[in-house]
């Protein structure tokens, strides 16, 4: 099985709201595109600290994360951040990884955007072409 790497768009939605309302400074909306690893074993979105800082995301709490090797570590949580992948987008929080670490796209994003990870073919695709189909039961 291979690793799935996809390009994701990231944006500070607070900047977007300020720009949309025409209030505050005329600073541009902070956004970036980076490659992220689809990790079906991870739950949250994980972004490296340098990307979180570039987007101006606020760190507001900490969580304890468990890695694949069973190590535990306290990490900050930041947000909100808007992520776009496979022509779908959502706003969520993220766990802040070490600077220059690999971004991980976990189950929260995959489930919310109704994306299917095919590890054999190394692809990430929407289950339904037009819109996410979410279970409410």
N, C-alpha and C. Protein backbone atom coordinates (compact mmCIF):
# COMPACT_ATOMS: atom_id res chain seq x y z
N UNK A 1 0.83 -1.18 0.00
CA UNK A 1 0.00 0.00 0.00
C UNK A 1 0.87 1.24 0.00
N UNK A 2 0.41 2.27 -0.69
CA UNK A 2 1.19 3.48 -0.80
C UNK A 2 0.56 4.65 -0.07
N UNK A 3 1.37 5.64 0.08
CA UNK A 3 0.96 6.87 0.73
C UNK A 3 0.18 7.73 -0.25
N UNK A 4 -0.88 8.37 0.24
CA UNK A 4 -1.67 9.29 -0.60
C UNK A 4 -1.25 10.71 -0.24
N UNK A 5 -0.76 11.44 -1.23
CA UNK A 5 -0.38 12.83 -1.04
C UNK A 5 -1.24 13.68 -1.97
N UNK A 6 -1.87 14.71 -1.39
CA UNK A 6 -2.73 15.60 -2.17
C UNK A 6 -2.38 17.06 -1.85
N UNK A 7 -2.60 17.92 -2.82
CA UNK A 7 -2.41 19.35 -2.59
C UNK A 7 -3.68 19.89 -1.94
N UNK A 8 -3.48 20.64 -0.85
CA UNK A 8 -4.61 21.23 -0.13
C UNK A 8 -4.45 22.75 -0.11
N UNK A 9 -5.58 23.42 -0.17
CA UNK A 9 -5.61 24.87 0.01
C UNK A 9 -5.98 25.15 1.45
N UNK A 10 -5.31 26.10 2.07
CA UNK A 10 -5.58 26.49 3.45
C UNK A 10 -5.78 27.99 3.49
N UNK A 11 -6.76 28.42 4.30
CA UNK A 11 -7.06 29.85 4.38
C UNK A 11 -7.51 30.21 5.78
N UNK A 12 -7.21 31.43 6.20
CA UNK A 12 -7.66 31.96 7.48
C UNK A 12 -9.08 32.51 7.27
N UNK A 13 -10.11 31.84 7.80
CA UNK A 13 -11.49 32.28 7.55
C UNK A 13 -11.85 33.59 8.27
N UNK A 14 -11.11 33.93 9.30
CA UNK A 14 -11.36 35.22 9.97
C UNK A 14 -10.94 36.35 9.03
N UNK A 15 -9.79 36.20 8.38
CA UNK A 15 -9.36 37.17 7.37
C UNK A 15 -10.42 37.29 6.27
N UNK A 16 -10.94 36.16 5.83
CA UNK A 16 -11.95 36.13 4.76
C UNK A 16 -13.20 36.90 5.19
N UNK A 17 -13.64 36.69 6.43
CA UNK A 17 -14.82 37.40 6.93
C UNK A 17 -14.62 38.90 7.01
N UNK A 18 -13.43 39.31 7.46
CA UNK A 18 -13.11 40.74 7.54
C UNK A 18 -13.09 41.35 6.14
N UNK A 19 -12.48 40.65 5.19
CA UNK A 19 -12.42 41.15 3.81
C UNK A 19 -13.82 41.23 3.20
N UNK A 20 -14.64 40.24 3.47
CA UNK A 20 -16.00 40.22 2.91
C UNK A 20 -16.83 41.38 3.44
N UNK A 21 -16.62 41.74 4.71
CA UNK A 21 -17.39 42.84 5.31
C UNK A 21 -16.77 44.21 5.03
N UNK A 22 -15.55 44.21 4.52
CA UNK A 22 -14.89 45.46 4.22
C UNK A 22 -14.51 46.26 5.45
N UNK A 23 -14.27 45.56 6.56
CA UNK A 23 -13.88 46.25 7.78
C UNK A 23 -12.42 45.96 8.10
N UNK A 24 -11.86 46.73 8.99
CA UNK A 24 -10.48 46.49 9.40
C UNK A 24 -9.51 46.90 8.32
N UNK A 25 -8.30 46.39 8.44
CA UNK A 25 -7.25 46.75 7.49
C UNK A 25 -7.51 46.10 6.15
N UNK A 26 -6.80 46.55 5.17
CA UNK A 26 -6.93 45.99 3.82
C UNK A 26 -5.88 44.92 3.56
N UNK A 27 -5.40 44.29 4.64
CA UNK A 27 -4.43 43.21 4.48
C UNK A 27 -5.06 42.07 3.69
N UNK A 28 -4.26 41.37 2.89
CA UNK A 28 -4.81 40.26 2.12
C UNK A 28 -5.20 39.08 3.03
N UNK A 29 -6.08 38.27 2.51
CA UNK A 29 -6.47 37.05 3.21
C UNK A 29 -5.27 36.11 3.20
N UNK A 30 -4.88 35.65 4.38
CA UNK A 30 -3.73 34.74 4.45
C UNK A 30 -4.16 33.35 4.00
N UNK A 31 -3.45 32.84 3.00
CA UNK A 31 -3.76 31.51 2.45
C UNK A 31 -2.50 30.90 1.87
N UNK A 32 -2.54 29.60 1.70
CA UNK A 32 -1.40 28.89 1.12
C UNK A 32 -1.87 27.58 0.54
N UNK A 33 -1.04 26.97 -0.28
CA UNK A 33 -1.27 25.62 -0.81
C UNK A 33 -0.06 24.78 -0.41
N UNK A 34 -0.32 23.60 0.11
CA UNK A 34 0.74 22.69 0.51
C UNK A 34 0.31 21.26 0.18
N UNK A 35 1.26 20.35 0.16
CA UNK A 35 0.95 18.94 0.00
C UNK A 35 0.72 18.34 1.37
N UNK A 36 -0.34 17.54 1.50
CA UNK A 36 -0.66 16.87 2.75
C UNK A 36 -0.78 15.38 2.54
N UNK A 37 -0.49 14.64 3.60
CA UNK A 37 -0.59 13.18 3.56
C UNK A 37 -1.94 12.77 4.11
N UNK A 38 -2.67 11.97 3.36
CA UNK A 38 -3.93 11.42 3.83
C UNK A 38 -3.59 10.29 4.78
N UNK A 39 -4.05 10.42 6.02
CA UNK A 39 -3.76 9.42 7.05
C UNK A 39 -5.07 8.94 7.65
N UNK A 40 -5.55 7.78 7.17
CA UNK A 40 -6.84 7.26 7.64
C UNK A 40 -6.77 6.79 9.08
N UNK A 41 -5.58 6.68 9.65
CA UNK A 41 -5.43 6.32 11.05
C UNK A 41 -5.43 7.52 11.98
N UNK A 42 -5.31 8.70 11.41
CA UNK A 42 -5.33 9.94 12.21
C UNK A 42 -6.75 10.48 12.26
N UNK A 43 -7.09 11.15 13.33
CA UNK A 43 -8.42 11.74 13.45
C UNK A 43 -8.43 13.19 13.01
N UNK A 44 -7.56 14.06 13.56
CA UNK A 44 -7.68 15.48 13.22
C UNK A 44 -6.89 15.86 11.98
N UNK A 45 -7.03 17.11 11.60
CA UNK A 45 -6.13 17.76 10.65
C UNK A 45 -4.91 18.19 11.45
N UNK A 46 -3.72 17.90 10.96
CA UNK A 46 -2.48 18.30 11.64
C UNK A 46 -1.68 19.17 10.67
N UNK A 47 -1.35 20.39 11.11
CA UNK A 47 -0.57 21.30 10.28
C UNK A 47 0.71 21.68 11.01
N UNK A 48 1.81 21.83 10.27
CA UNK A 48 3.07 22.23 10.90
C UNK A 48 2.98 23.65 11.48
N UNK A 49 3.71 23.87 12.54
CA UNK A 49 3.69 25.16 13.24
C UNK A 49 3.99 26.33 12.31
N UNK A 50 4.94 26.17 11.39
CA UNK A 50 5.28 27.27 10.49
C UNK A 50 4.10 27.65 9.58
N UNK A 51 3.28 26.69 9.18
CA UNK A 51 2.10 26.97 8.36
C UNK A 51 1.03 27.66 9.21
N UNK A 52 0.83 27.18 10.43
CA UNK A 52 -0.13 27.80 11.35
C UNK A 52 0.24 29.26 11.57
N UNK A 53 1.52 29.53 11.77
CA UNK A 53 1.97 30.91 11.98
C UNK A 53 1.80 31.75 10.72
N UNK A 54 2.11 31.18 9.56
CA UNK A 54 1.96 31.91 8.28
C UNK A 54 0.51 32.31 8.05
N UNK A 55 -0.43 31.45 8.46
CA UNK A 55 -1.86 31.73 8.29
C UNK A 55 -2.41 32.62 9.41
N UNK A 56 -1.64 32.81 10.47
CA UNK A 56 -2.10 33.65 11.57
C UNK A 56 -3.19 33.00 12.41
N UNK A 57 -3.15 31.68 12.54
CA UNK A 57 -4.17 30.97 13.31
C UNK A 57 -3.88 31.08 14.80
N UNK A 58 -4.94 31.23 15.58
CA UNK A 58 -4.80 31.38 17.03
C UNK A 58 -4.73 30.01 17.70
N UNK A 59 -3.73 29.83 18.56
CA UNK A 59 -3.64 28.62 19.37
C UNK A 59 -4.45 28.86 20.64
N UNK A 60 -5.41 27.95 20.93
CA UNK A 60 -6.33 28.25 22.02
C UNK A 60 -6.48 27.15 23.07
N UNK A 61 -5.88 25.99 22.86
CA UNK A 61 -5.89 24.94 23.87
C UNK A 61 -4.83 23.91 23.52
N UNK A 62 -4.69 22.91 24.35
CA UNK A 62 -3.76 21.82 24.05
C UNK A 62 -4.50 20.49 24.17
N UNK A 63 -3.98 19.49 23.50
CA UNK A 63 -4.49 18.13 23.57
C UNK A 63 -3.31 17.18 23.69
N UNK A 64 -3.56 15.99 24.16
CA UNK A 64 -2.54 14.95 24.18
C UNK A 64 -2.81 14.06 22.97
N UNK A 65 -1.79 13.90 22.13
CA UNK A 65 -1.91 13.05 20.95
C UNK A 65 -1.11 11.77 21.16
N UNK A 66 -1.57 10.70 20.53
CA UNK A 66 -0.85 9.43 20.56
C UNK A 66 -0.39 9.12 19.15
N UNK A 67 0.89 8.89 18.99
CA UNK A 67 1.46 8.57 17.68
C UNK A 67 1.37 7.07 17.40
N UNK A 68 1.66 6.67 16.17
CA UNK A 68 1.59 5.27 15.76
C UNK A 68 2.49 4.38 16.61
N UNK A 69 3.61 4.93 17.11
CA UNK A 69 4.52 4.14 17.94
C UNK A 69 4.14 4.17 19.42
N UNK A 70 2.92 4.67 19.71
CA UNK A 70 2.34 4.74 21.07
C UNK A 70 2.93 5.85 21.95
N UNK A 71 3.85 6.66 21.41
CA UNK A 71 4.32 7.83 22.16
C UNK A 71 3.16 8.79 22.35
N UNK A 72 3.15 9.48 23.48
CA UNK A 72 2.15 10.50 23.74
C UNK A 72 2.86 11.84 23.87
N UNK A 73 2.19 12.89 23.41
CA UNK A 73 2.78 14.22 23.46
C UNK A 73 1.67 15.26 23.54
N UNK A 74 1.90 16.31 24.30
CA UNK A 74 0.95 17.41 24.36
C UNK A 74 1.24 18.35 23.19
N UNK A 75 0.19 18.69 22.43
CA UNK A 75 0.33 19.57 21.26
C UNK A 75 -0.75 20.65 21.32
N UNK A 76 -0.44 21.84 20.80
CA UNK A 76 -1.45 22.90 20.74
C UNK A 76 -2.49 22.62 19.66
N UNK A 77 -3.66 23.22 19.84
CA UNK A 77 -4.73 23.22 18.84
C UNK A 77 -4.91 24.66 18.40
N UNK A 78 -5.07 24.87 17.09
CA UNK A 78 -5.23 26.22 16.55
C UNK A 78 -6.40 26.24 15.56
N UNK A 79 -6.85 27.44 15.27
CA UNK A 79 -7.92 27.57 14.28
C UNK A 79 -8.65 28.88 14.45
N UNK A 80 -9.72 28.99 13.73
CA UNK A 80 -10.17 28.06 12.70
C UNK A 80 -9.33 28.18 11.44
N UNK A 81 -9.41 27.13 10.61
CA UNK A 81 -8.75 27.12 9.32
C UNK A 81 -9.71 26.50 8.31
N UNK A 82 -9.75 27.07 7.12
CA UNK A 82 -10.54 26.49 6.04
C UNK A 82 -9.60 25.66 5.18
N UNK A 83 -9.99 24.41 4.95
CA UNK A 83 -9.21 23.51 4.11
C UNK A 83 -10.02 23.19 2.86
N UNK A 84 -9.35 23.22 1.71
CA UNK A 84 -9.97 22.82 0.45
C UNK A 84 -9.18 21.66 -0.12
N UNK A 85 -9.90 20.59 -0.43
CA UNK A 85 -9.29 19.40 -1.03
C UNK A 85 -10.32 18.74 -1.92
N UNK A 86 -9.92 18.29 -3.08
CA UNK A 86 -10.81 17.63 -4.04
C UNK A 86 -12.03 18.51 -4.36
N UNK A 87 -11.81 19.80 -4.52
CA UNK A 87 -12.87 20.77 -4.85
C UNK A 87 -13.97 20.84 -3.80
N UNK A 88 -13.65 20.47 -2.56
CA UNK A 88 -14.58 20.60 -1.44
C UNK A 88 -13.86 21.34 -0.33
N UNK A 89 -14.63 22.05 0.49
CA UNK A 89 -13.98 22.79 1.57
C UNK A 89 -14.79 22.72 2.85
N UNK A 90 -14.09 22.95 3.95
CA UNK A 90 -14.71 22.99 5.27
C UNK A 90 -13.83 23.82 6.18
N UNK A 91 -14.40 24.27 7.28
CA UNK A 91 -13.65 25.01 8.29
C UNK A 91 -13.58 24.16 9.54
N UNK A 92 -12.39 24.06 10.11
CA UNK A 92 -12.16 23.20 11.27
C UNK A 92 -10.99 23.75 12.08
N UNK A 93 -10.67 23.09 13.17
CA UNK A 93 -9.47 23.38 13.94
C UNK A 93 -8.40 22.39 13.50
N UNK A 94 -7.17 22.62 13.94
CA UNK A 94 -6.09 21.69 13.61
C UNK A 94 -5.18 21.51 14.82
N UNK A 95 -4.56 20.35 14.88
CA UNK A 95 -3.49 20.12 15.84
C UNK A 95 -2.23 20.72 15.22
N UNK A 96 -1.43 21.39 16.04
CA UNK A 96 -0.22 22.03 15.55
C UNK A 96 0.95 21.07 15.71
N UNK A 97 1.53 20.68 14.59
CA UNK A 97 2.69 19.81 14.60
C UNK A 97 3.97 20.62 14.70
N UNK A 98 5.10 19.96 14.87
CA UNK A 98 6.39 20.66 14.92
C UNK A 98 6.64 21.45 13.63
N UNK A 99 7.48 22.49 13.68
CA UNK A 99 7.81 23.24 12.46
C UNK A 99 8.35 22.31 11.37
N UNK A 100 7.92 22.55 10.15
CA UNK A 100 8.35 21.81 8.96
C UNK A 100 7.97 20.33 8.97
N UNK A 101 7.06 19.93 9.87
CA UNK A 101 6.58 18.54 9.87
C UNK A 101 5.59 18.35 8.71
N UNK A 102 5.24 17.11 8.47
CA UNK A 102 4.32 16.81 7.38
C UNK A 102 2.88 17.08 7.82
N UNK A 103 2.09 17.72 6.97
CA UNK A 103 0.67 17.90 7.26
C UNK A 103 -0.06 16.56 7.09
N UNK A 104 -0.99 16.29 8.01
CA UNK A 104 -1.79 15.06 7.94
C UNK A 104 -3.25 15.42 7.81
N UNK A 105 -3.91 14.76 6.89
CA UNK A 105 -5.34 14.94 6.68
C UNK A 105 -6.01 13.71 7.27
N UNK A 106 -6.69 13.88 8.40
CA UNK A 106 -7.28 12.77 9.13
C UNK A 106 -8.75 12.56 8.86
N UNK A 107 -9.35 11.72 9.68
CA UNK A 107 -10.74 11.30 9.51
C UNK A 107 -11.75 12.42 9.58
N UNK A 108 -11.47 13.47 10.38
CA UNK A 108 -12.43 14.58 10.49
C UNK A 108 -12.68 15.20 9.12
N UNK A 109 -11.61 15.47 8.39
CA UNK A 109 -11.74 16.07 7.06
C UNK A 109 -12.33 15.05 6.08
N UNK A 110 -11.83 13.83 6.10
CA UNK A 110 -12.32 12.81 5.16
C UNK A 110 -13.81 12.57 5.33
N UNK A 111 -14.28 12.44 6.57
CA UNK A 111 -15.70 12.18 6.82
C UNK A 111 -16.56 13.40 6.49
N UNK A 112 -16.11 14.57 6.90
CA UNK A 112 -16.91 15.79 6.68
C UNK A 112 -17.05 16.13 5.21
N UNK A 113 -16.03 15.85 4.43
CA UNK A 113 -16.08 16.14 2.99
C UNK A 113 -16.48 14.93 2.16
N UNK A 114 -16.74 13.79 2.83
CA UNK A 114 -17.18 12.56 2.18
C UNK A 114 -16.19 12.12 1.10
N UNK A 115 -14.93 11.99 1.52
CA UNK A 115 -13.86 11.61 0.60
C UNK A 115 -13.43 10.17 0.87
N UNK A 116 -13.12 9.46 -0.18
CA UNK A 116 -12.71 8.06 -0.10
C UNK A 116 -11.22 7.96 -0.41
N UNK A 117 -10.48 7.38 0.54
CA UNK A 117 -9.05 7.16 0.36
C UNK A 117 -8.83 5.76 -0.20
N UNK A 118 -8.21 5.67 -1.35
CA UNK A 118 -7.86 4.40 -1.98
C UNK A 118 -6.34 4.26 -1.89
N UNK A 119 -5.89 3.55 -0.86
CA UNK A 119 -4.45 3.43 -0.61
C UNK A 119 -3.75 2.60 -1.68
N UNK A 120 -4.44 1.65 -2.29
CA UNK A 120 -3.84 0.82 -3.33
C UNK A 120 -3.47 1.65 -4.54
N UNK A 121 -4.40 2.53 -4.97
CA UNK A 121 -4.16 3.36 -6.15
C UNK A 121 -3.65 4.75 -5.80
N UNK A 122 -3.48 5.00 -4.50
CA UNK A 122 -2.98 6.30 -4.00
C UNK A 122 -3.81 7.48 -4.48
N UNK A 123 -5.13 7.34 -4.33
CA UNK A 123 -6.03 8.41 -4.75
C UNK A 123 -6.99 8.80 -3.63
N UNK A 124 -7.44 10.03 -3.70
CA UNK A 124 -8.46 10.55 -2.80
C UNK A 124 -9.55 11.14 -3.69
N UNK A 125 -10.77 10.63 -3.55
CA UNK A 125 -11.85 11.08 -4.42
C UNK A 125 -13.14 11.25 -3.62
N UNK A 126 -14.01 12.15 -4.08
CA UNK A 126 -15.33 12.27 -3.46
C UNK A 126 -16.16 11.02 -3.72
N UNK A 127 -16.94 10.59 -2.71
CA UNK A 127 -17.82 9.44 -2.90
C UNK A 127 -18.92 9.77 -3.90
N UNK A 128 -19.51 10.96 -3.76
CA UNK A 128 -20.53 11.46 -4.69
C UNK A 128 -19.92 12.64 -5.44
N UNK A 129 -20.12 12.74 -6.74
CA UNK A 129 -19.44 13.78 -7.50
C UNK A 129 -19.89 15.22 -7.19
N UNK A 130 -21.16 15.42 -6.83
CA UNK A 130 -21.68 16.78 -6.72
C UNK A 130 -21.66 17.38 -5.32
N UNK A 131 -21.77 16.53 -4.29
CA UNK A 131 -21.87 17.05 -2.92
C UNK A 131 -21.59 15.93 -1.93
N UNK A 132 -21.17 16.30 -0.73
CA UNK A 132 -20.97 15.26 0.31
C UNK A 132 -22.30 14.64 0.73
N UNK A 133 -22.28 13.36 1.00
CA UNK A 133 -23.45 12.65 1.52
C UNK A 133 -23.09 12.24 2.93
N UNK A 134 -23.72 12.88 3.91
CA UNK A 134 -23.36 12.67 5.31
C UNK A 134 -24.45 11.92 6.05
N UNK A 135 -24.06 10.93 6.85
CA UNK A 135 -25.01 10.20 7.67
C UNK A 135 -25.33 10.98 8.93
N UNK A 136 -26.61 11.07 9.27
CA UNK A 136 -27.03 11.75 10.49
C UNK A 136 -27.59 10.80 11.51
N UNK A 137 -27.45 9.50 11.30
CA UNK A 137 -28.01 8.55 12.26
C UNK A 137 -26.96 8.05 13.21
